[in-house]
């Protein structure tokens, strides 16, 4: 089963602002999500404005996304660098 991943405008901008090595690491993680969006270190976000979304840990970065199983679509909302205020 193959999933289609799409980046929001905000996520694409955040990705462009990262160093080249980190972008390559995140690109590989997004490619892996096209095969199985729940593999790896994935957890639901339990509070804050992103409540209900999923997050995937990729080194110090987090990919925040939602999954639509009926259309096999993965919508990436944000790519954040982990800090004390990442999910607020």
C-alpha atoms as a PDB file:
ATOM      1  CA  UNK A   1       0.000   0.000   0.000  1.00  0.00           C
ATOM      2  CA  UNK A   2       1.402   3.397  -0.983  1.00  0.00           C
ATOM      3  CA  UNK A   3       0.438   6.627   0.738  1.00  0.00           C
ATOM      4  CA  UNK A   4       0.608  10.098  -0.790  1.00  0.00           C
ATOM      5  CA  UNK A   5       2.423  12.691   1.333  1.00  0.00           C
ATOM      6  CA  UNK A   6       1.751  16.402   0.883  1.00  0.00           C
ATOM      7  CA  UNK A   7       3.473  19.280   2.650  1.00  0.00           C
ATOM      8  CA  UNK A   8       1.619  22.401   3.696  1.00  0.00           C
ATOM      9  CA  UNK A   9       3.085  25.734   2.629  1.00  0.00           C
ATOM     10  CA  UNK A  10       4.284  26.276   6.203  1.00  0.00           C
ATOM     11  CA  UNK A  11       5.973  22.843   6.357  1.00  0.00           C
ATOM     12  CA  UNK A  12       7.746  23.423   3.026  1.00  0.00           C
ATOM     13  CA  UNK A  13       9.047  26.782   4.261  1.00  0.00           C
ATOM     14  CA  UNK A  14      10.252  25.239   7.526  1.00  0.00           C
ATOM     15  CA  UNK A  15      11.986  22.452   5.609  1.00  0.00           C
ATOM     16  CA  UNK A  16      13.807  24.926   3.337  1.00  0.00           C
ATOM     17  CA  UNK A  17      15.124  26.780   6.403  1.00  0.00           C
ATOM     18  CA  UNK A  18      16.975  23.739   7.767  1.00  0.00           C
ATOM     19  CA  UNK A  19      20.583  22.721   7.055  1.00  0.00           C
ATOM     20  CA  UNK A  20      21.175  20.419   4.062  1.00  0.00           C
ATOM     21  CA  UNK A  21      22.017  17.342   6.185  1.00  0.00           C
ATOM     22  CA  UNK A  22      18.839  17.741   8.229  1.00  0.00           C
ATOM     23  CA  UNK A  23      16.743  18.217   5.056  1.00  0.00           C
ATOM     24  CA  UNK A  24      18.145  14.950   3.658  1.00  0.00           C
ATOM     25  CA  UNK A  25      17.311  13.145   6.899  1.00  0.00           C
ATOM     26  CA  UNK A  26      13.748  14.516   6.861  1.00  0.00           C
ATOM     27  CA  UNK A  27      13.302  13.695   3.157  1.00  0.00           C
ATOM     28  CA  UNK A  28      14.192  10.077   3.920  1.00  0.00           C
ATOM     29  CA  UNK A  29      11.683  10.030   6.803  1.00  0.00           C
ATOM     30  CA  UNK A  30       8.948  11.432   4.533  1.00  0.00           C
ATOM     31  CA  UNK A  31       9.745   8.768   1.907  1.00  0.00           C
ATOM     32  CA  UNK A  32       9.432   6.122   4.628  1.00  0.00           C
ATOM     33  CA  UNK A  33       6.046   7.588   5.586  1.00  0.00           C
ATOM     34  CA  UNK A  34       4.813   6.925   2.033  1.00  0.00           C
ATOM     35  CA  UNK A  35       5.215   3.210   2.745  1.00  0.00           C
ATOM     36  CA  UNK A  36       3.892   3.225   6.333  1.00  0.00           C
ATOM     37  CA  UNK A  37       2.954   6.544   7.998  1.00  0.00           C
ATOM     38  CA  UNK A  38       2.885   5.029  11.490  1.00  0.00           C
ATOM     39  CA  UNK A  39       6.298   3.338  11.492  1.00  0.00           C
ATOM     40  CA  UNK A  40       9.149   4.662  13.591  1.00  0.00           C
ATOM     41  CA  UNK A  41       8.862   6.906  16.614  1.00  0.00           C
ATOM     42  CA  UNK A  42       5.283   8.136  16.070  1.00  0.00           C
ATOM     43  CA  UNK A  43       2.992   9.348  18.835  1.00  0.00           C
ATOM     44  CA  UNK A  44      -0.241  11.337  19.017  1.00  0.00           C
ATOM     45  CA  UNK A  45      -0.056  14.904  20.284  1.00  0.00           C
ATOM     46  CA  UNK A  46      -2.216  15.096  23.398  1.00  0.00           C
ATOM     47  CA  UNK A  47      -2.502  18.835  24.087  1.00  0.00           C
ATOM     48  CA  UNK A  48      -1.975  22.301  22.687  1.00  0.00           C
ATOM     49  CA  UNK A  49      -3.034  23.683  19.335  1.00  0.00           C
ATOM     50  CA  UNK A  50      -1.818  20.543  17.529  1.00  0.00           C
ATOM     51  CA  UNK A  51      -3.923  18.154  19.660  1.00  0.00           C
ATOM     52  CA  UNK A  52      -5.116  15.153  17.680  1.00  0.00           C
ATOM     53  CA  UNK A  53      -2.279  15.226  15.137  1.00  0.00           C
ATOM     54  CA  UNK A  54       0.572  12.742  15.043  1.00  0.00           C
ATOM     55  CA  UNK A  55       4.233  13.542  15.402  1.00  0.00           C
ATOM     56  CA  UNK A  56       7.206  11.613  14.102  1.00  0.00           C
ATOM     57  CA  UNK A  57      10.593  12.134  15.708  1.00  0.00           C
ATOM     58  CA  UNK A  58      13.521  12.548  13.301  1.00  0.00           C
ATOM     59  CA  UNK A  59      16.584  13.487  15.338  1.00  0.00           C
ATOM     60  CA  UNK A  60      15.949  16.903  16.940  1.00  0.00           C
ATOM     61  CA  UNK A  61      13.086  17.607  14.501  1.00  0.00           C
ATOM     62  CA  UNK A  62       9.431  16.639  14.625  1.00  0.00           C
ATOM     63  CA  UNK A  63       7.164  16.057  11.639  1.00  0.00           C
ATOM     64  CA  UNK A  64       3.591  16.977  12.613  1.00  0.00           C
ATOM     65  CA  UNK A  65       0.994  15.349  10.377  1.00  0.00           C
ATOM     66  CA  UNK A  66      -2.452  13.801  10.042  1.00  0.00           C
ATOM     67  CA  UNK A  67      -3.489  10.638   8.223  1.00  0.00           C
ATOM     68  CA  UNK A  68      -6.618  10.050   6.118  1.00  0.00           C
ATOM     69  CA  UNK A  69      -6.912   6.253   5.725  1.00  0.00           C
ATOM     70  CA  UNK A  70      -9.850   6.403   3.297  1.00  0.00           C
ATOM     71  CA  UNK A  71      -7.848   8.304   0.663  1.00  0.00           C
ATOM     72  CA  UNK A  72      -4.412   7.030   1.800  1.00  0.00           C
ATOM     73  CA  UNK A  73      -3.261  10.635   2.261  1.00  0.00           C
ATOM     74  CA  UNK A  74      -0.667  11.968   4.719  1.00  0.00           C
ATOM     75  CA  UNK A  75      -0.907  15.734   5.263  1.00  0.00           C
ATOM     76  CA  UNK A  76       2.255  17.199   6.809  1.00  0.00           C
ATOM     77  CA  UNK A  77       1.299  20.354   8.709  1.00  0.00           C
ATOM     78  CA  UNK A  78       4.649  21.391  10.183  1.00  0.00           C
ATOM     79  CA  UNK A  79       8.299  20.450  10.566  1.00  0.00           C
ATOM     80  CA  UNK A  80       9.532  21.722  13.903  1.00  0.00           C
ATOM     81  CA  UNK A  81      12.848  21.703  15.746  1.00  0.00           C
ATOM     82  CA  UNK A  82      12.285  20.337  19.237  1.00  0.00           C
ATOM     83  CA  UNK A  83      12.359  22.884  22.055  1.00  0.00           C
ATOM     84  CA  UNK A  84      10.429  23.561  25.242  1.00  0.00           C
ATOM     85  CA  UNK A  85       7.668  25.331  23.319  1.00  0.00           C
ATOM     86  CA  UNK A  86       7.407  23.121  20.218  1.00  0.00           C
ATOM     87  CA  UNK A  87       3.853  21.871  20.753  1.00  0.00           C
ATOM     88  CA  UNK A  88       2.324  25.002  22.340  1.00  0.00           C
END
